[in-house]
N, C-alpha and C. Protein backbone atom coordinates (compact mmCIF):
# COMPACT_ATOMS: atom_id res chain seq x y z
N MET A 1 -12.18 -12.53 3.22
CA MET A 1 -10.83 -12.05 2.91
C MET A 1 -10.81 -11.99 1.34
N THR A 2 -10.15 -10.97 0.95
CA THR A 2 -10.02 -10.87 -0.63
C THR A 2 -8.92 -11.95 -1.08
N ALA A 3 -9.00 -12.47 -2.07
CA ALA A 3 -8.00 -13.36 -2.77
C ALA A 3 -6.78 -12.52 -3.12
N LEU A 4 -5.52 -13.02 -3.03
CA LEU A 4 -4.41 -12.31 -3.68
C LEU A 4 -4.48 -12.36 -5.08
N PRO A 5 -3.83 -11.31 -5.60
CA PRO A 5 -3.70 -11.38 -7.06
C PRO A 5 -3.09 -12.52 -7.57
N THR A 6 -3.71 -12.97 -8.68
CA THR A 6 -3.16 -14.17 -9.32
C THR A 6 -2.23 -13.83 -10.52
N ARG A 7 -1.31 -14.77 -10.88
CA ARG A 7 -0.37 -14.44 -11.91
C ARG A 7 -1.20 -14.13 -13.26
N GLU A 8 -2.41 -14.63 -13.37
CA GLU A 8 -3.01 -14.27 -14.50
C GLU A 8 -3.56 -12.81 -14.55
N HIS A 9 -3.84 -12.34 -13.32
CA HIS A 9 -4.37 -11.13 -13.05
C HIS A 9 -3.08 -10.08 -13.33
N VAL A 10 -2.11 -10.47 -12.85
CA VAL A 10 -0.67 -9.47 -13.04
C VAL A 10 -0.41 -9.41 -14.50
N SER A 11 -0.45 -10.73 -15.20
CA SER A 11 0.01 -10.67 -16.62
C SER A 11 -1.16 -9.90 -17.36
N GLU A 12 -2.40 -9.91 -17.07
CA GLU A 12 -3.59 -9.11 -17.66
C GLU A 12 -3.00 -7.60 -17.61
N SER A 13 -2.79 -7.18 -16.49
CA SER A 13 -2.26 -5.85 -16.27
C SER A 13 -1.07 -5.43 -17.16
N SER A 14 -0.16 -6.33 -17.15
CA SER A 14 0.99 -6.05 -17.88
C SER A 14 0.68 -6.19 -19.29
N GLY A 15 -0.21 -6.92 -19.89
CA GLY A 15 -0.79 -6.81 -21.28
C GLY A 15 -1.36 -5.60 -21.64
N ILE A 16 -2.18 -5.02 -20.85
CA ILE A 16 -2.86 -3.68 -20.96
C ILE A 16 -1.76 -2.60 -20.96
N VAL A 17 -0.92 -2.71 -20.00
CA VAL A 17 0.25 -1.59 -20.05
C VAL A 17 1.09 -1.67 -21.38
N GLY A 18 1.34 -2.85 -21.92
CA GLY A 18 2.21 -3.03 -23.14
C GLY A 18 1.21 -2.52 -24.24
N GLU A 19 -0.04 -2.67 -24.35
CA GLU A 19 -0.85 -2.21 -25.49
C GLU A 19 -0.77 -0.59 -25.37
N LEU A 20 -0.97 -0.17 -24.06
CA LEU A 20 -0.84 1.46 -23.88
C LEU A 20 0.34 1.94 -24.39
N GLU A 21 1.39 1.33 -24.07
CA GLU A 21 2.80 1.66 -24.39
C GLU A 21 2.96 1.80 -26.05
N GLU A 22 2.27 0.86 -26.60
CA GLU A 22 2.30 0.85 -28.05
C GLU A 22 1.55 2.13 -28.74
N TYR A 23 0.35 2.33 -28.27
CA TYR A 23 -0.47 3.33 -28.50
C TYR A 23 0.23 4.73 -28.27
N LEU A 24 0.88 4.87 -27.10
CA LEU A 24 1.61 5.97 -26.77
C LEU A 24 2.76 6.25 -27.73
N ASP A 25 3.58 5.19 -28.03
CA ASP A 25 4.54 5.31 -29.05
C ASP A 25 4.07 5.87 -30.44
N ALA A 26 2.78 5.36 -30.79
CA ALA A 26 2.26 5.79 -32.06
C ALA A 26 1.77 7.20 -31.90
N GLY A 27 1.51 7.83 -30.72
CA GLY A 27 1.27 9.04 -30.64
C GLY A 27 -0.38 9.33 -30.56
N TYR A 28 -0.98 8.21 -30.21
CA TYR A 28 -2.43 8.29 -29.95
C TYR A 28 -2.72 8.59 -28.79
N PHE A 29 -3.70 9.68 -28.49
CA PHE A 29 -4.29 10.13 -27.27
C PHE A 29 -3.18 10.06 -26.13
N ALA A 30 -2.07 10.73 -26.46
CA ALA A 30 -0.94 10.78 -25.52
C ALA A 30 -1.21 11.12 -24.17
N ASN A 31 -1.98 12.21 -23.82
CA ASN A 31 -2.09 12.41 -22.31
C ASN A 31 -2.88 11.77 -21.61
N THR A 32 -4.04 11.13 -22.28
CA THR A 32 -4.98 10.26 -21.66
C THR A 32 -4.29 8.92 -21.31
N ILE A 33 -3.56 8.33 -22.53
CA ILE A 33 -2.74 7.23 -22.15
C ILE A 33 -1.67 7.26 -20.98
N GLN A 34 -0.98 8.36 -21.05
CA GLN A 34 -0.05 8.53 -20.05
C GLN A 34 -0.67 8.42 -18.59
N GLY A 35 -1.87 9.07 -18.42
CA GLY A 35 -2.50 8.80 -17.18
C GLY A 35 -3.00 7.53 -16.99
N VAL A 36 -3.57 6.96 -17.86
CA VAL A 36 -4.14 5.66 -17.55
C VAL A 36 -2.95 4.71 -17.38
N HIS A 37 -1.84 4.84 -18.14
CA HIS A 37 -0.74 4.02 -17.96
C HIS A 37 -0.23 4.25 -16.43
N ALA A 38 -0.11 5.34 -16.07
CA ALA A 38 0.42 5.51 -14.45
C ALA A 38 -0.42 5.13 -13.59
N LEU A 39 -1.73 5.18 -13.86
CA LEU A 39 -2.84 4.64 -12.87
C LEU A 39 -2.71 3.09 -12.77
N ILE A 40 -2.54 2.40 -13.97
CA ILE A 40 -2.40 0.91 -14.11
C ILE A 40 -1.01 0.60 -13.26
N THR A 41 -0.01 1.12 -13.64
CA THR A 41 1.28 0.94 -13.03
C THR A 41 1.13 1.02 -11.55
N HIS A 42 0.56 2.05 -11.16
CA HIS A 42 0.44 2.27 -9.62
C HIS A 42 -0.38 1.26 -8.94
N ALA A 43 -1.57 0.83 -9.52
CA ALA A 43 -2.37 -0.16 -9.04
C ALA A 43 -1.74 -1.50 -8.79
N ALA A 44 -0.79 -1.95 -10.00
CA ALA A 44 -0.03 -3.10 -9.84
C ALA A 44 0.85 -3.04 -8.78
N PHE A 45 1.58 -1.88 -8.63
CA PHE A 45 2.49 -1.69 -7.49
C PHE A 45 1.74 -1.82 -6.13
N LEU A 46 0.63 -1.27 -6.12
CA LEU A 46 -0.09 -1.50 -4.69
C LEU A 46 -0.57 -2.92 -4.47
N GLU A 47 -0.93 -3.57 -5.51
CA GLU A 47 -1.46 -4.86 -5.37
C GLU A 47 -0.34 -5.83 -4.88
N LYS A 48 0.96 -5.55 -5.44
CA LYS A 48 2.19 -6.25 -4.88
C LYS A 48 2.39 -6.08 -3.38
N LYS A 49 2.31 -4.76 -3.19
CA LYS A 49 2.63 -4.30 -1.77
C LYS A 49 1.49 -4.98 -0.75
N VAL A 50 0.29 -5.01 -1.20
CA VAL A 50 -0.82 -5.61 -0.31
C VAL A 50 -0.60 -7.14 -0.25
N ALA A 51 -0.06 -7.67 -1.19
CA ALA A 51 0.03 -9.12 -1.20
C ALA A 51 1.24 -9.33 -0.31
N ALA A 52 2.13 -8.64 -0.14
CA ALA A 52 3.44 -8.82 0.66
C ALA A 52 3.03 -8.57 2.05
N LEU A 53 2.18 -7.65 2.23
CA LEU A 53 1.71 -7.19 3.76
C LEU A 53 0.75 -8.29 4.24
N LYS A 54 0.09 -8.99 3.43
CA LYS A 54 -0.85 -9.88 3.65
C LYS A 54 0.08 -11.30 4.17
N ALA A 55 1.07 -11.44 3.48
CA ALA A 55 1.94 -12.66 3.64
C ALA A 55 2.77 -12.22 4.86
N THR A 56 2.91 -11.22 5.16
CA THR A 56 3.69 -10.93 6.32
C THR A 56 2.94 -11.02 7.79
N ILE A 57 1.63 -10.51 7.56
CA ILE A 57 0.55 -10.64 8.63
C ILE A 57 0.42 -12.22 8.93
N ALA A 58 0.22 -12.89 7.81
CA ALA A 58 0.17 -14.46 7.93
C ALA A 58 1.17 -15.15 8.64
N ARG A 59 2.37 -14.67 8.23
CA ARG A 59 3.51 -15.32 8.84
C ARG A 59 3.66 -14.92 10.45
N MET A 60 3.27 -13.64 10.56
CA MET A 60 3.38 -13.20 12.12
C MET A 60 2.40 -13.82 12.88
N GLN A 61 1.07 -14.13 12.31
CA GLN A 61 0.08 -14.70 13.17
C GLN A 61 0.62 -16.24 13.30
N GLN A 62 1.06 -16.69 12.33
CA GLN A 62 1.55 -18.29 12.52
C GLN A 62 2.68 -18.40 13.47
N GLU A 63 3.57 -17.40 13.53
CA GLU A 63 4.63 -17.43 14.42
C GLU A 63 3.90 -17.17 15.99
N GLY A 64 2.92 -16.36 15.99
CA GLY A 64 2.42 -16.12 17.27
C GLY A 64 1.67 -17.43 17.90
N ASP A 65 1.03 -18.12 16.92
CA ASP A 65 0.34 -19.29 17.26
C ASP A 65 1.44 -20.33 17.73
N GLU A 66 2.37 -20.37 17.20
CA GLU A 66 3.55 -21.59 17.61
C GLU A 66 4.12 -21.13 18.94
N SER A 67 4.18 -19.85 19.42
CA SER A 67 4.78 -19.59 20.63
C SER A 67 3.82 -19.74 21.97
């Protein structure tokens, strides 16, 4: 089973997004940075959704075991 994203992993993604936003504000490689920014943001969103789904599945399995 894959481990849930750690706080360190999420903060690493946030750090990368922050740097990309700085480059974007400076006008460096705007189209490429926008694409990468969107990809990282979407990946982080999906990681949170997967973690929430795993937690829900675990809770439902636990509830099933208790009955």
